[in-house]
Amino acid sequence: MEITASLVKELRERTGLGMMDCKKALSETNGDIDKAIELLRKKGALKAESKLDRKTSEGIIGSYIHMNGKIGVLVEVNCETDFVARNSDFQQLVKDLAMHIAAFKPAYVKKEDVPTDFIEKEKEILLAQPDLSNKPDNVKEKIISGRLDKILSEICLMDQPFVKNNDITVGQLIKEAIAKIGENITVKRFVRFALGE
């Protein structure tokens, strides 16, 4: 079957992937768009990890308003191309992330963003807890490390369980989107407003 430009265009619009990837997938599946999407998703899942270092300079700022205007979120989510920024799957991801931030109140995007003074203060508080007083230093260190990791997971967006599916974290959701869309995706920043806070 001849792979026409309109067929490639349709697949690009549905997947947000590059022209050559779409053309190749259509060739391998004899022009069957649904099979091509399935093939691209299988290949994309393997490529998601390799895309994490690629530069993201395009994207959109999404918003979410909840509870009759009492909670609002702005989130900047970046991708590699403006083509993907206009993709409906990418835009839905941004909306979902904004809604998640409204519900879960993360303080930071990822653990690396947490200031060292916050971490040191938390360690100090954990060390002062009475259940650790009689433990050997090496055991204390492991317990404090585990408890600190739990605290950071609760306040960092990427480690929180996703609001619409608690079986995956927000970080895993974004990796799935990278695999599906075919470009690196990063959350640059967000701000959450709550009336009276």
Protein backbone atom coordinates (compact mmCIF):
# COMPACT_ATOMS: atom_id res chain seq x y z
CA MET A 1 0.00 0.00 0.00
CA GLU A 2 1.23 3.50 -0.84
CA ILE A 3 1.93 5.66 2.24
CA THR A 4 0.39 9.04 1.37
CA ALA A 5 1.26 12.39 2.92
CA SER A 6 -2.29 12.69 4.30
CA LEU A 7 -1.96 9.31 6.03
CA VAL A 8 1.35 10.39 7.60
CA LYS A 9 -0.23 13.70 8.64
CA GLU A 10 -3.17 11.92 10.29
CA LEU A 11 -0.82 9.66 12.25
CA ARG A 12 1.28 12.66 13.31
CA GLU A 13 -1.83 14.46 14.56
CA ARG A 14 -2.95 11.43 16.54
CA THR A 15 0.45 10.66 18.08
CA GLY A 16 2.40 13.92 18.08
CA LEU A 17 5.43 12.04 16.75
CA GLY A 18 7.83 13.09 14.00
CA MET A 19 7.11 12.61 10.30
CA MET A 20 9.84 9.99 9.71
CA ASP A 21 8.73 7.89 12.71
CA CYS A 22 5.14 7.98 11.45
CA LYS A 23 6.08 7.14 7.85
CA LYS A 24 8.23 4.21 8.97
CA ALA A 25 5.51 2.84 11.27
CA LEU A 26 2.92 3.11 8.49
CA SER A 27 5.27 1.28 6.09
CA GLU A 28 5.78 -1.52 8.63
CA THR A 29 2.02 -1.88 9.18
CA ASN A 30 0.93 -1.55 5.53
CA GLY A 31 -0.81 1.77 6.14
CA ASP A 32 -2.96 0.59 9.08
CA ILE A 33 -3.10 3.60 11.42
CA ASP A 34 -4.26 1.70 14.50
CA LYS A 35 -1.52 -0.91 14.12
CA ALA A 36 1.01 1.88 13.47
CA ILE A 37 -0.01 3.60 16.73
CA GLU A 38 0.36 0.31 18.60
CA LEU A 39 3.79 -0.23 17.04
CA LEU A 40 4.90 3.31 17.90
CA ARG A 41 3.71 2.90 21.48
CA LYS A 42 5.68 -0.35 21.85
CA LYS A 43 8.81 1.28 20.45
CA GLY A 44 8.17 4.49 22.39
CA ALA A 45 8.01 2.72 25.72
CA LEU A 46 11.55 1.54 25.16
CA LYS A 47 12.72 5.00 24.12
CA ALA A 48 11.19 7.05 26.97
CA GLU A 49 14.24 6.72 29.22
CA SER A 50 16.61 7.85 26.48
CA LYS A 51 14.59 11.04 25.91
CA LEU A 52 14.90 12.31 29.49
CA ASP A 53 18.09 14.29 28.78
CA ARG A 54 16.76 16.10 25.73
CA LYS A 55 16.19 19.85 25.95
CA THR A 56 12.62 21.04 26.51
CA SER A 57 12.16 24.65 25.46
CA GLU A 58 8.55 24.61 24.20
CA GLY A 59 5.36 23.79 26.08
CA ILE A 60 2.38 25.46 27.71
CA ILE A 61 1.23 26.94 30.98
CA GLY A 62 -1.84 25.13 32.20
CA SER A 63 -4.33 26.17 34.84
CA TYR A 64 -6.94 24.62 37.09
CA ILE A 65 -9.54 26.34 39.29
CA HIS A 66 -11.37 24.31 41.95
CA MET A 67 -14.07 24.69 44.59
CA ASN A 68 -15.91 27.70 43.18
CA GLY A 69 -12.73 29.66 42.68
CA LYS A 70 -11.18 28.96 46.09
CA ILE A 71 -8.14 26.99 44.81
CA GLY A 72 -6.17 27.77 41.67
CA VAL A 73 -3.06 26.32 40.03
CA LEU A 74 -0.71 27.45 37.27
CA VAL A 75 1.81 24.92 35.98
CA GLU A 76 4.48 25.22 33.27
CA VAL A 77 5.06 21.96 31.43
CA ASN A 78 7.74 21.84 28.74
CA CYS A 79 8.28 19.65 25.70
CA GLU A 80 10.70 19.69 22.77
CA THR A 81 8.53 21.16 19.98
CA ASP A 82 5.57 23.50 19.59
CA PHE A 83 3.91 20.73 17.55
CA VAL A 84 3.70 18.54 20.65
CA ALA A 85 2.63 21.53 22.79
CA ARG A 86 -0.50 21.68 20.60
CA ASN A 87 -1.07 17.91 20.84
CA SER A 88 -4.29 17.00 22.69
CA ASP A 89 -2.57 14.25 24.75
CA PHE A 90 0.06 16.72 25.95
CA GLN A 91 -2.57 19.33 26.79
CA GLN A 92 -4.60 16.74 28.72
CA LEU A 93 -1.47 15.79 30.68
CA VAL A 94 -0.95 19.46 31.63
CA LYS A 95 -4.59 19.73 32.81
CA ASP A 96 -4.22 16.52 34.85
CA LEU A 97 -1.01 17.81 36.44
CA ALA A 98 -2.67 21.12 37.38
CA MET A 99 -5.60 19.23 38.95
CA HIS A 100 -3.18 16.95 40.82
CA ILE A 101 -1.29 19.95 42.22
CA ALA A 102 -4.58 21.47 43.42
CA ALA A 103 -5.48 18.24 45.24
CA PHE A 104 -2.09 17.10 46.63
CA LYS A 105 -0.38 20.45 47.42
CA PRO A 106 3.21 19.53 46.48
CA ALA A 107 5.86 22.04 47.56
CA TYR A 108 8.55 21.11 45.01
CA VAL A 109 8.74 19.50 41.56
CA LYS A 110 11.40 16.89 42.48
CA LYS A 111 13.60 15.90 45.42
CA GLU A 112 16.62 17.69 43.94
CA ASP A 113 14.69 20.98 44.26
CA VAL A 114 14.28 20.70 48.04
CA PRO A 115 16.59 23.18 49.83
CA THR A 116 19.39 21.67 51.93
CA ASP A 117 18.38 23.70 55.00
CA PHE A 118 14.89 22.10 54.88
CA ILE A 119 16.45 18.62 54.71
CA GLU A 120 18.87 19.39 57.58
CA LYS A 121 16.01 20.74 59.74
CA GLU A 122 13.93 17.60 59.06
CA LYS A 123 16.91 15.37 59.95
CA GLU A 124 17.33 17.31 63.19
CA ILE A 125 13.63 16.82 64.06
CA LEU A 126 13.77 13.11 63.18
CA LEU A 127 16.93 12.59 65.23
CA ALA A 128 15.24 14.09 68.30
CA GLN A 129 12.35 11.60 68.21
CA PRO A 130 12.29 9.45 71.37
CA ASP A 131 12.02 6.08 69.59
CA LEU A 132 15.55 6.57 68.18
CA SER A 133 17.35 7.43 71.42
CA ASN A 134 18.58 3.90 72.27
CA LYS A 135 19.40 2.79 68.74
CA PRO A 136 22.97 2.44 67.43
CA ASP A 137 24.14 5.23 65.10
CA ASN A 138 24.13 3.12 61.93
CA VAL A 139 20.53 1.99 62.62
CA LYS A 140 19.48 5.58 63.43
CA GLU A 141 20.94 6.71 60.11
CA LYS A 142 18.96 4.10 58.13
CA ILE A 143 15.71 4.91 59.95
CA ILE A 144 16.18 8.66 59.50
CA SER A 145 17.01 8.16 55.80
CA GLY A 146 13.82 6.11 55.29
CA ARG A 147 11.64 8.60 57.14
CA LEU A 148 13.18 11.55 55.32
CA ASP A 149 12.62 9.84 51.97
CA LYS A 150 8.93 9.38 52.90
CA ILE A 151 8.60 13.09 53.81
CA LEU A 152 10.22 14.15 50.54
CA SER A 153 7.97 11.80 48.54
CA GLU A 154 4.94 13.46 50.09
CA ILE A 155 6.03 17.03 49.23
CA CYS A 156 7.60 16.46 45.78
CA LEU A 157 5.26 16.35 42.79
CA MET A 158 7.16 13.67 40.84
CA ASP A 159 7.01 11.16 43.73
CA GLN A 160 3.37 11.65 44.72
CA PRO A 161 0.78 9.01 43.73
CA PHE A 162 -1.16 10.42 40.76
CA VAL A 163 -4.58 11.78 41.75
CA LYS A 164 -6.46 9.84 39.03
CA ASN A 165 -4.54 6.57 39.48
CA ASN A 166 -2.83 5.89 42.82
CA ASP A 167 -1.01 2.87 41.35
CA ILE A 168 1.47 5.17 39.58
CA THR A 169 3.42 8.25 40.60
CA VAL A 170 3.31 11.54 38.73
CA GLY A 171 6.86 10.75 37.53
CA GLN A 172 5.66 7.45 36.04
CA LEU A 173 2.70 9.23 34.42
CA ILE A 174 5.09 11.64 32.72
CA LYS A 175 7.34 8.77 31.55
CA GLU A 176 4.27 7.08 30.03
CA ALA A 177 3.44 10.34 28.24
CA ILE A 178 7.03 10.60 26.96
CA ALA A 179 6.74 7.07 25.57
CA LYS A 180 3.38 7.80 23.94
CA ILE A 181 4.16 11.26 22.56
CA GLY A 182 7.80 10.62 21.67
CA GLU A 183 9.37 13.73 23.19
CA ASN A 184 10.89 14.60 26.54
CA ILE A 185 8.42 16.31 28.90
CA THR A 186 9.37 18.20 32.04
CA VAL A 187 7.49 20.11 34.70
CA LYS A 188 9.40 23.36 35.08
CA ARG A 189 7.45 25.05 37.88
CA PHE A 190 4.04 25.54 39.41
CA VAL A 191 2.22 27.77 41.83
CA ARG A 192 -0.86 26.86 43.90
CA PHE A 193 -3.16 29.49 45.32
CA ALA A 194 -5.73 28.84 48.04
CA LEU A 195 -8.07 31.59 49.14
CA GLY A 196 -7.00 32.94 52.55
CA GLU A 197 -3.63 31.14 52.64
